[in-house]
C-alpha cells in the first residue's frame, strides 16, 4: 500500500511530472515568505535541553506529554526522557533501541502511572512513569503513527492497517480489535483516538468518523466526513487523520478533501458541515474551532454554527503544525523554525519568533506556568510570557 508522507508531499505529487506526465511554472507550489510581524512580546526561555536527535525530516509526530508532575519527551531513534518542568533536569532516560532501529512515531500518552509510545515497526512500549522501566511491549499490525489513548484499564491504538486495538494497560494483552477499510492510496498519518463517556472515537482512512464502546470494542456508528470524488486515486483521497475534538455533547473533526463537521456525540448525526480540507488536529477555546487547512491557511469558525469568523492565508505552504491555544493566542510553528502568535479574535499576527532552523513537527504543549516546544532536531525548551 502506497502512502504519501504528508499533505504537502501530496500536493507536490499532484503537480509532479512523475504523477501527471507534465509540469509547468504555473504548477509549482510556492511557499509564502516569512510574514513581517511587529512582535508585541518576546517569550522568555526558562530552560533548554534536548532529546536524542529528535525526529529529523521523518514523519514522526512525537508530541510531548505533561503528566504526573513530569514532562515526557521522545526521539525517533528510541530515546524517552522524563524532565522536571521547573528546570528541565533529566529525571530518567531510557534508550529503547536494542539492535534494530526503533523508529518511534506515535505518542506520547499517559495512563495509570505509565507512558505509552508506538513505532513504525508496530511495537507499543509501556514505560513506568516513575523510573522509565519498560513494563511491557506489544506487537500490533501496521505502523503506529498516532498517539494511543487510554480509557479505564485499556490503552487504545489506531494503526496504519485500519485496526483499532484495545490493549490491557497492565500487561499489554489484546482485548479486542476493530477493523476498518483502508484504500489503496492514503495519506501518511492516522487519527489519534479519543475516549470519552465510555466511547472511543477516531477517524479512518476511508473518510469516516467511527465510534465504538471502548470496554467491549463494539462498533456503534460511522459517519462520512468526506466522499471520494474525481477520476484518480489521488483525487479521491479522503483520509480523516485529525484527532476528534470533543466540546460538551458535540464532537468535531475534519477530513482531507472532505469537510469540517460537528456531530452529536450520542447519535452520530451531523449538526453542521462546512467545506474545508485538512489532515491536522483542531484546536478550540470553547467557543470557536481553529484549523489549519491543507494549504496552510488558518481558519476560525463558530463552534455552534460553523460560521467562518476569519481566515489568515499568509502562511500558505509553510508546512504549518496543528494549532494550539496559549493564553489569548492561536499558536503554530512552521518548517523553518518560526513560531507564530495569532490573535484568536481577529486572525492577525501578534508576535513571531525564530527558534531554530530545523523546524517544527508538532505544536507546543501548554504547561501550568508556561509552554513547551520541541523542534525537529530534538531541542526542548520551556518558555513563558511575562
Protein backbone atom coordinates (compact mmCIF):
# COMPACT_ATOMS: atom_id res chain seq x y z
CA UNK A 1 0.00 0.00 0.00
CA UNK A 2 1.43 3.34 -1.09
CA UNK A 3 1.32 6.09 1.49
CA UNK A 4 2.07 9.74 0.86
CA UNK A 5 4.24 11.26 3.56
CA UNK A 6 2.01 14.22 4.38
CA UNK A 7 -0.40 16.71 2.91
CA UNK A 8 2.39 18.85 1.47
CA UNK A 9 4.18 16.00 -0.26
CA UNK A 10 0.77 15.04 -1.62
CA UNK A 11 0.45 18.47 -3.14
CA UNK A 12 3.90 18.10 -4.71
CA UNK A 13 2.92 14.69 -6.09
CA UNK A 14 -0.19 16.18 -7.65
CA UNK A 15 1.83 18.52 -9.86
CA UNK A 16 4.94 16.42 -10.46
CA UNK A 17 5.74 15.03 -13.89
CA UNK A 18 6.02 11.54 -12.44
CA UNK A 19 2.40 11.61 -11.32
CA UNK A 20 0.81 13.74 -14.03
CA UNK A 21 3.10 13.34 -17.04
CA UNK A 22 3.61 17.07 -17.41
CA UNK A 23 4.62 20.16 -15.46
CA UNK A 24 4.90 23.91 -15.85
CA UNK A 25 5.93 27.01 -13.94
CA UNK A 26 2.26 27.67 -13.16
CA UNK A 27 2.02 24.27 -11.47
CA UNK A 28 4.81 24.87 -8.97
CA UNK A 29 3.98 25.20 -5.30
CA UNK A 30 5.32 28.38 -3.74
CA UNK A 31 5.96 28.74 -0.01
CA UNK A 32 4.79 32.08 1.27
CA UNK A 33 7.59 34.33 2.55
CA UNK A 34 8.06 34.79 6.28
CA UNK A 35 5.45 37.37 7.31
CA UNK A 36 6.70 40.72 8.55
CA UNK A 37 5.39 40.89 12.11
CA UNK A 38 5.85 43.71 14.59
CA UNK A 39 6.16 41.45 17.63
CA UNK A 40 4.32 42.78 20.68
CA UNK A 41 6.20 40.45 23.02
CA UNK A 42 9.11 38.03 23.14
CA UNK A 43 8.74 34.89 25.30
CA UNK A 44 11.43 34.15 27.87
CA UNK A 45 13.30 30.84 27.76
CA UNK A 46 13.17 29.33 31.26
CA UNK A 47 15.36 26.37 30.36
CA UNK A 48 16.60 24.36 27.40
CA UNK A 49 17.64 20.73 26.89
CA UNK A 50 17.43 18.08 24.16
CA UNK A 51 16.19 14.56 23.44
CA UNK A 52 18.23 12.35 21.12
CA UNK A 53 18.31 13.53 17.52
CA UNK A 54 14.64 14.48 17.51
CA UNK A 55 12.62 13.25 14.53
CA UNK A 56 14.70 14.78 11.76
CA UNK A 57 12.78 15.05 8.50
CA UNK A 58 10.78 11.88 9.15
CA UNK A 59 7.04 11.69 9.69
CA UNK A 60 7.21 11.20 13.46
CA UNK A 61 4.78 13.39 15.37
CA UNK A 62 6.13 12.71 18.85
CA UNK A 63 4.17 15.28 20.83
CA UNK A 64 5.43 15.74 24.41
CA UNK A 65 3.20 14.80 27.33
CA UNK A 66 2.76 16.55 30.68
CA UNK A 67 1.55 14.13 33.38
CA UNK A 68 2.33 13.11 36.97
CA UNK A 69 4.22 16.37 37.51
CA UNK A 70 6.72 15.48 34.75
CA UNK A 71 7.32 16.29 31.10
CA UNK A 72 7.85 13.27 28.84
CA UNK A 73 9.67 13.65 25.53
CA UNK A 74 10.95 11.17 22.95
CA UNK A 75 13.06 10.95 19.80
CA UNK A 76 12.53 8.80 16.73
CA UNK A 77 15.72 6.83 17.44
CA UNK A 78 14.26 5.47 20.69
CA UNK A 79 15.24 7.83 23.50
CA UNK A 80 12.48 8.61 26.01
CA UNK A 81 13.08 11.09 28.84
CA UNK A 82 11.22 12.42 31.85
CA UNK A 83 12.04 16.05 32.68
CA UNK A 84 11.49 18.23 35.70
CA UNK A 85 9.18 21.05 34.48
CA UNK A 86 10.81 23.54 36.86
CA UNK A 87 14.35 23.33 35.50
CA UNK A 88 14.48 20.76 32.66
CA UNK A 89 16.58 18.36 34.73
CA UNK A 90 16.51 14.79 33.38
CA UNK A 91 14.69 12.66 35.96
CA UNK A 92 15.22 9.48 33.96
CA UNK A 93 16.23 8.50 30.46
CA UNK A 94 15.50 5.26 28.60
CA UNK A 95 17.04 4.14 25.30
CA UNK A 96 14.60 1.71 23.62
CA UNK A 97 16.90 0.94 20.70
CA UNK A 98 18.39 -2.50 21.18
CA UNK A 99 19.76 -3.91 17.95
CA UNK A 100 17.39 -2.85 15.17
CA UNK A 101 16.14 0.76 14.81
CA UNK A 102 13.11 1.65 16.93
CA UNK A 103 11.54 4.39 14.73
CA UNK A 104 9.22 5.89 17.34
CA UNK A 105 6.37 7.77 15.70
CA UNK A 106 3.14 7.57 17.72
CA UNK A 107 2.95 9.19 21.15
CA UNK A 108 3.40 10.16 23.84
CA UNK A 109 0.35 9.40 26.03
CA UNK A 110 -0.13 8.53 29.68
CA UNK A 111 -2.32 6.43 31.96
CA UNK A 112 -2.19 4.54 35.30
CA UNK A 113 1.33 5.84 36.03
CA UNK A 114 2.62 4.67 32.66
CA UNK A 115 3.59 6.40 29.44
CA UNK A 116 2.92 4.85 26.05
CA UNK A 117 4.61 5.33 22.71
CA UNK A 118 4.31 3.44 19.40
CA UNK A 119 6.64 2.84 16.48
CA UNK A 120 6.70 2.47 12.71
CA UNK A 121 7.69 -1.15 13.30
CA UNK A 122 4.36 -1.89 15.00
CA UNK A 123 5.54 -2.03 18.62
CA UNK A 124 3.79 -0.38 21.57
CA UNK A 125 6.03 0.42 24.55
CA UNK A 126 4.66 0.91 28.07
CA UNK A 127 7.13 2.63 30.40
CA UNK A 128 6.86 3.18 34.13
CA UNK A 129 6.34 6.91 34.61
CA UNK A 130 8.41 6.95 37.80
CA UNK A 131 11.63 5.33 36.57
CA UNK A 132 11.36 4.68 32.82
CA UNK A 133 11.50 0.89 33.11
CA UNK A 134 9.75 -0.92 30.25
CA UNK A 135 6.75 -2.64 31.85
CA UNK A 136 5.73 -4.39 28.62
CA UNK A 137 5.80 -4.27 24.84
CA UNK A 138 3.09 -5.37 22.42
CA UNK A 139 3.26 -6.05 18.69
CA UNK A 140 0.41 -4.80 16.52
CA UNK A 141 -0.39 -5.00 12.82
CA UNK A 142 0.86 -1.95 10.92
CA UNK A 143 2.66 1.25 11.84
CA UNK A 144 1.68 3.29 14.88
CA UNK A 145 1.80 6.88 13.62
CA UNK A 146 -0.69 8.41 16.06
CA UNK A 147 -0.61 8.69 19.83
CA UNK A 148 -2.50 5.95 21.72
CA UNK A 149 -5.24 6.92 24.15
CA UNK A 150 -6.29 5.42 27.47
CA UNK A 151 -9.73 4.63 28.86
CA UNK A 152 -10.17 2.85 32.17
CA UNK A 153 -7.89 -0.18 32.11
CA UNK A 154 -7.29 0.00 28.35
CA UNK A 155 -4.76 1.64 26.07
CA UNK A 156 -6.27 2.06 22.61
CA UNK A 157 -4.15 2.19 19.44
CA UNK A 158 -5.02 3.13 15.85
CA UNK A 159 -2.72 1.54 13.23
CA UNK A 160 -1.98 2.16 9.57
CA UNK A 161 -3.63 -1.17 8.70
CA UNK A 162 -7.02 0.19 9.75
CA UNK A 163 -7.10 -1.65 13.06
CA UNK A 164 -8.24 -0.02 16.29
CA UNK A 165 -6.84 -2.22 19.07
CA UNK A 166 -7.65 -2.31 22.78
CA UNK A 167 -4.78 -3.47 24.99
CA UNK A 168 -4.74 -4.10 28.72
CA UNK A 169 -2.76 -1.30 30.38
CA UNK A 170 -1.24 -3.67 32.93
CA UNK A 171 0.27 -6.30 30.62
CA UNK A 172 -0.36 -5.23 27.00
CA UNK A 173 -2.57 -8.22 26.15
CA UNK A 174 -5.05 -7.61 23.35
CA UNK A 175 -8.68 -7.33 24.50
CA UNK A 176 -10.35 -6.53 21.19
CA UNK A 177 -9.77 -5.25 17.66
CA UNK A 178 -11.97 -3.33 15.21
CA UNK A 179 -11.14 -3.41 11.51
CA UNK A 180 -11.92 -0.54 9.12
CA UNK A 181 -11.35 -0.20 5.39
CA UNK A 182 -8.03 1.18 4.13
CA UNK A 183 -7.95 2.37 0.47
CA UNK A 184 -5.03 1.53 -1.81
CA UNK A 185 -3.70 5.09 -1.55
CA UNK A 186 -3.81 7.10 1.67
CA UNK A 187 -2.06 10.00 3.34
CA UNK A 188 0.79 9.12 5.67
CA UNK A 189 -0.70 9.61 9.09
CA UNK A 190 -3.52 8.32 11.26
CA UNK A 191 -6.11 9.77 13.61
CA UNK A 192 -5.28 9.61 17.32
CA UNK A 193 -8.37 8.11 19.03
CA UNK A 194 -10.23 10.00 21.75
CA UNK A 195 -12.04 8.27 24.63
CA UNK A 196 -14.94 9.98 26.42
CA UNK A 197 -18.09 8.86 28.26
CA UNK A 198 -17.39 5.17 27.70
CA UNK A 199 -16.90 5.59 23.96
CA UNK A 200 -13.88 5.83 21.71
CA UNK A 201 -13.89 7.97 18.56
CA UNK A 202 -11.41 8.05 15.68
CA UNK A 203 -11.03 8.95 12.01
CA UNK A 204 -10.46 6.38 9.27
CA UNK A 205 -8.53 6.37 6.00
CA UNK A 206 -11.78 5.77 4.10
CA UNK A 207 -13.19 9.17 5.08
CA UNK A 208 -15.30 8.32 8.11
CA UNK A 209 -15.50 9.16 11.78
CA UNK A 210 -16.10 5.99 13.78
CA UNK A 211 -17.44 5.41 17.30
CA UNK A 212 -17.25 2.28 19.47
CA UNK A 213 -17.95 1.17 23.03
CA UNK A 214 -14.45 1.17 24.45
CA UNK A 215 -14.96 -1.53 27.09
CA UNK A 216 -16.07 -4.13 24.52
CA UNK A 217 -14.64 -2.85 21.26
CA UNK A 218 -18.14 -2.80 19.75
CA UNK A 219 -18.61 -0.50 16.74
CA UNK A 220 -21.60 1.84 17.27
CA UNK A 221 -21.69 4.09 14.23
CA UNK A 222 -19.69 5.57 11.37
CA UNK A 223 -20.31 9.00 9.87
CA UNK A 224 -18.96 10.08 6.47
CA UNK A 225 -16.71 13.13 6.66
CA UNK A 226 -15.60 13.04 3.03
CA UNK A 227 -16.91 11.23 -0.04
CA UNK A 228 -14.36 10.19 -2.71
CA UNK A 229 -14.64 12.28 -5.88
CA UNK A 230 -12.63 12.54 -9.07
CA UNK A 231 -11.21 10.10 -11.58
CA UNK A 232 -7.84 9.29 -9.98
CA UNK A 233 -6.96 7.71 -6.65
CA UNK A 234 -5.17 10.89 -5.58
CA UNK A 235 -8.29 12.96 -6.32
CA UNK A 236 -10.29 10.51 -4.22
CA UNK A 237 -8.19 10.73 -1.05
CA UNK A 238 -10.50 11.39 1.91
CA UNK A 239 -8.42 10.47 4.97
CA UNK A 240 -9.62 11.63 8.37
CA UNK A 241 -6.26 11.92 10.14
CA UNK A 242 -7.35 14.64 12.56
CA UNK A 243 -7.94 13.58 16.14
CA UNK A 244 -11.58 14.16 17.13
CA UNK A 245 -12.24 17.19 19.32
CA UNK A 246 -14.98 16.96 21.96
CA UNK A 247 -16.77 20.01 23.39
CA UNK A 248 -19.65 19.09 25.66
CA UNK A 249 -22.04 16.84 23.74
CA UNK A 250 -20.57 17.70 20.34
CA UNK A 251 -17.67 16.13 18.51
CA UNK A 252 -15.72 17.94 15.77
CA UNK A 253 -13.45 16.55 13.11
CA UNK A 254 -12.13 17.42 9.66
CA UNK A 255 -11.05 15.35 6.65
CA UNK A 256 -8.69 15.74 3.75
CA UNK A 257 -10.68 16.66 0.62
CA UNK A 258 -13.62 16.48 2.98
CA UNK A 259 -15.43 18.63 5.49
CA UNK A 260 -15.24 20.19 8.91
CA UNK A 261 -18.14 18.55 10.67
CA UNK A 262 -19.91 18.89 14.02
CA UNK A 263 -21.52 15.64 15.21
CA UNK A 264 -23.86 14.84 18.07
CA UNK A 265 -21.81 12.67 20.41
CA UNK A 266 -24.53 10.14 21.18
CA UNK A 267 -26.42 9.74 17.91
CA UNK A 268 -23.57 10.29 15.47
CA UNK A 269 -25.79 12.64 13.43
CA UNK A 270 -24.26 15.79 11.91
CA UNK A 271 -25.23 19.18 13.35
CA UNK A 272 -23.49 21.15 10.58
CA UNK A 273 -20.88 20.68 7.85
CA UNK A 274 -18.51 23.13 6.20
CA UNK A 275 -16.16 22.51 3.28
CA UNK A 276 -12.55 22.57 4.49
CA UNK A 277 -9.66 20.20 3.75
CA UNK A 278 -7.17 19.33 6.49
CA UNK A 279 -5.17 16.42 7.90
CA UNK A 280 -4.18 18.20 11.13
CA UNK A 281 -5.70 18.29 14.60
CA UNK A 282 -8.16 21.02 15.56
CA UNK A 283 -7.96 23.46 18.47
CA UNK A 284 -10.67 25.27 20.41
CA UNK A 285 -11.08 27.99 23.03
CA UNK A 286 -14.50 26.62 23.97
CA UNK A 287 -16.47 28.95 21.71
CA UNK A 288 -14.63 28.68 18.39
CA UNK A 289 -12.84 25.99 16.36
CA UNK A 290 -9.42 26.70 14.82
CA UNK A 291 -7.91 24.67 11.98
CA UNK A 292 -5.03 24.71 9.51
CA UNK A 293 -6.14 23.76 6.01
CA UNK A 294 -4.24 21.64 3.51
CA UNK A 295 -2.91 24.89 2.02
CA UNK A 296 -1.75 26.08 5.46
CA UNK A 297 -4.47 28.71 5.77
CA UNK A 298 -5.51 29.38 9.37
CA UNK A 299 -9.27 29.45 9.86
CA UNK A 300 -11.58 30.20 12.80
CA UNK A 301 -15.22 29.12 12.81
CA UNK A 302 -18.02 29.44 15.34
CA UNK A 303 -18.38 26.11 17.17
CA UNK A 304 -22.18 26.37 17.35
CA UNK A 305 -22.94 27.22 13.74
CA UNK A 306 -19.78 26.61 11.70
CA UNK A 307 -19.82 30.23 10.50
CA UNK A 308 -16.36 31.34 9.38
CA UNK A 309 -15.04 34.15 11.57
CA UNK A 310 -11.72 34.83 9.91
CA UNK A 311 -9.08 33.30 7.64
CA UNK A 312 -5.36 34.04 7.52
CA UNK A 313 -3.59 32.96 4.30
CA UNK A 314 -0.17 34.46 4.99
CA UNK A 315 1.47 31.12 5.95
CA UNK A 316 0.47 29.32 2.75
CA UNK A 317 2.52 26.17 2.10
CA UNK A 318 4.89 26.84 5.01
CA UNK A 319 4.28 23.30 6.38
CA UNK A 320 2.49 24.55 9.47
CA UNK A 321 1.82 22.47 12.60
CA UNK A 322 -1.57 21.87 14.16
CA UNK A 323 -2.80 24.94 16.06
CA UNK A 324 -2.77 25.24 19.84
CA UNK A 325 -4.38 27.81 22.14
CA UNK A 326 -1.93 29.56 24.50
CA UNK A 327 -3.42 32.38 26.55
CA UNK A 328 -5.39 34.54 24.09
CA UNK A 329 -3.49 33.36 21.04
CA UNK A 330 -3.61 30.70 18.36
CA UNK A 331 -0.05 29.40 18.03
CA UNK A 332 1.53 27.40 15.18
CA UNK A 333 5.08 26.54 14.14
CA UNK A 334 6.43 26.06 10.62
CA UNK A 335 9.07 24.05 8.75
CA UNK A 336 11.70 26.78 9.01
CA UNK A 337 11.54 27.04 12.79
CA UNK A 338 9.28 30.08 13.18
CA UNK A 339 6.65 30.26 15.89
CA UNK A 340 3.62 32.46 15.17
CA UNK A 341 1.18 34.03 17.64
CA UNK A 342 -2.19 34.98 16.16
CA UNK A 343 -4.99 36.95 17.83
CA UNK A 344 -7.74 34.36 18.18
CA UNK A 345 -10.46 37.01 17.70
CA UNK A 346 -9.11 38.72 14.57
CA UNK A 347 -6.68 36.30 12.91
CA UNK A 348 -3.96 38.96 12.87
CA UNK A 349 -0.34 38.23 13.80
CA UNK A 350 0.67 39.46 17.24
CA UNK A 351 4.17 38.06 17.59
CA UNK A 352 6.74 35.89 15.85
CA UNK A 353 9.96 34.17 16.94
CA UNK A 354 12.57 32.18 15.09
CA UNK A 355 13.54 29.23 17.31
CA UNK A 356 15.94 27.22 15.11
CA UNK A 357 16.38 26.13 11.51
CA UNK A 358 15.26 22.50 11.91
CA UNK A 359 11.58 23.47 12.10
CA UNK A 360 8.63 22.03 13.97
CA UNK A 361 6.87 18.70 13.55
CA UNK A 362 4.42 19.26 16.43
CA UNK A 363 2.77 22.23 18.07
CA UNK A 364 3.77 23.46 21.54
CA UNK A 365 2.06 21.97 24.58
CA UNK A 366 0.65 24.03 27.42
CA UNK A 367 2.11 23.73 30.92
CA UNK A 368 0.67 25.12 34.18
CA UNK A 369 3.15 28.01 34.13
CA UNK A 370 4.20 28.28 30.50
CA UNK A 371 4.53 26.13 27.42
CA UNK A 372 6.95 23.64 25.88
CA UNK A 373 8.33 23.43 22.36
CA UNK A 374 10.24 20.60 20.70
CA UNK A 375 12.00 21.11 17.37
CA UNK A 376 12.73 18.53 14.70
CA UNK A 377 16.36 18.23 15.77
CA UNK A 378 15.36 17.42 19.37
CA UNK A 379 15.77 20.80 21.08
CA UNK A 380 13.38 21.09 24.04
CA UNK A 381 12.60 24.50 25.52
CA UNK A 382 10.25 25.74 28.21
CA UNK A 383 9.06 29.28 27.61
CA UNK A 384 6.90 31.80 29.43
CA UNK A 385 5.34 35.12 28.55
CA UNK A 386 5.96 37.78 31.15
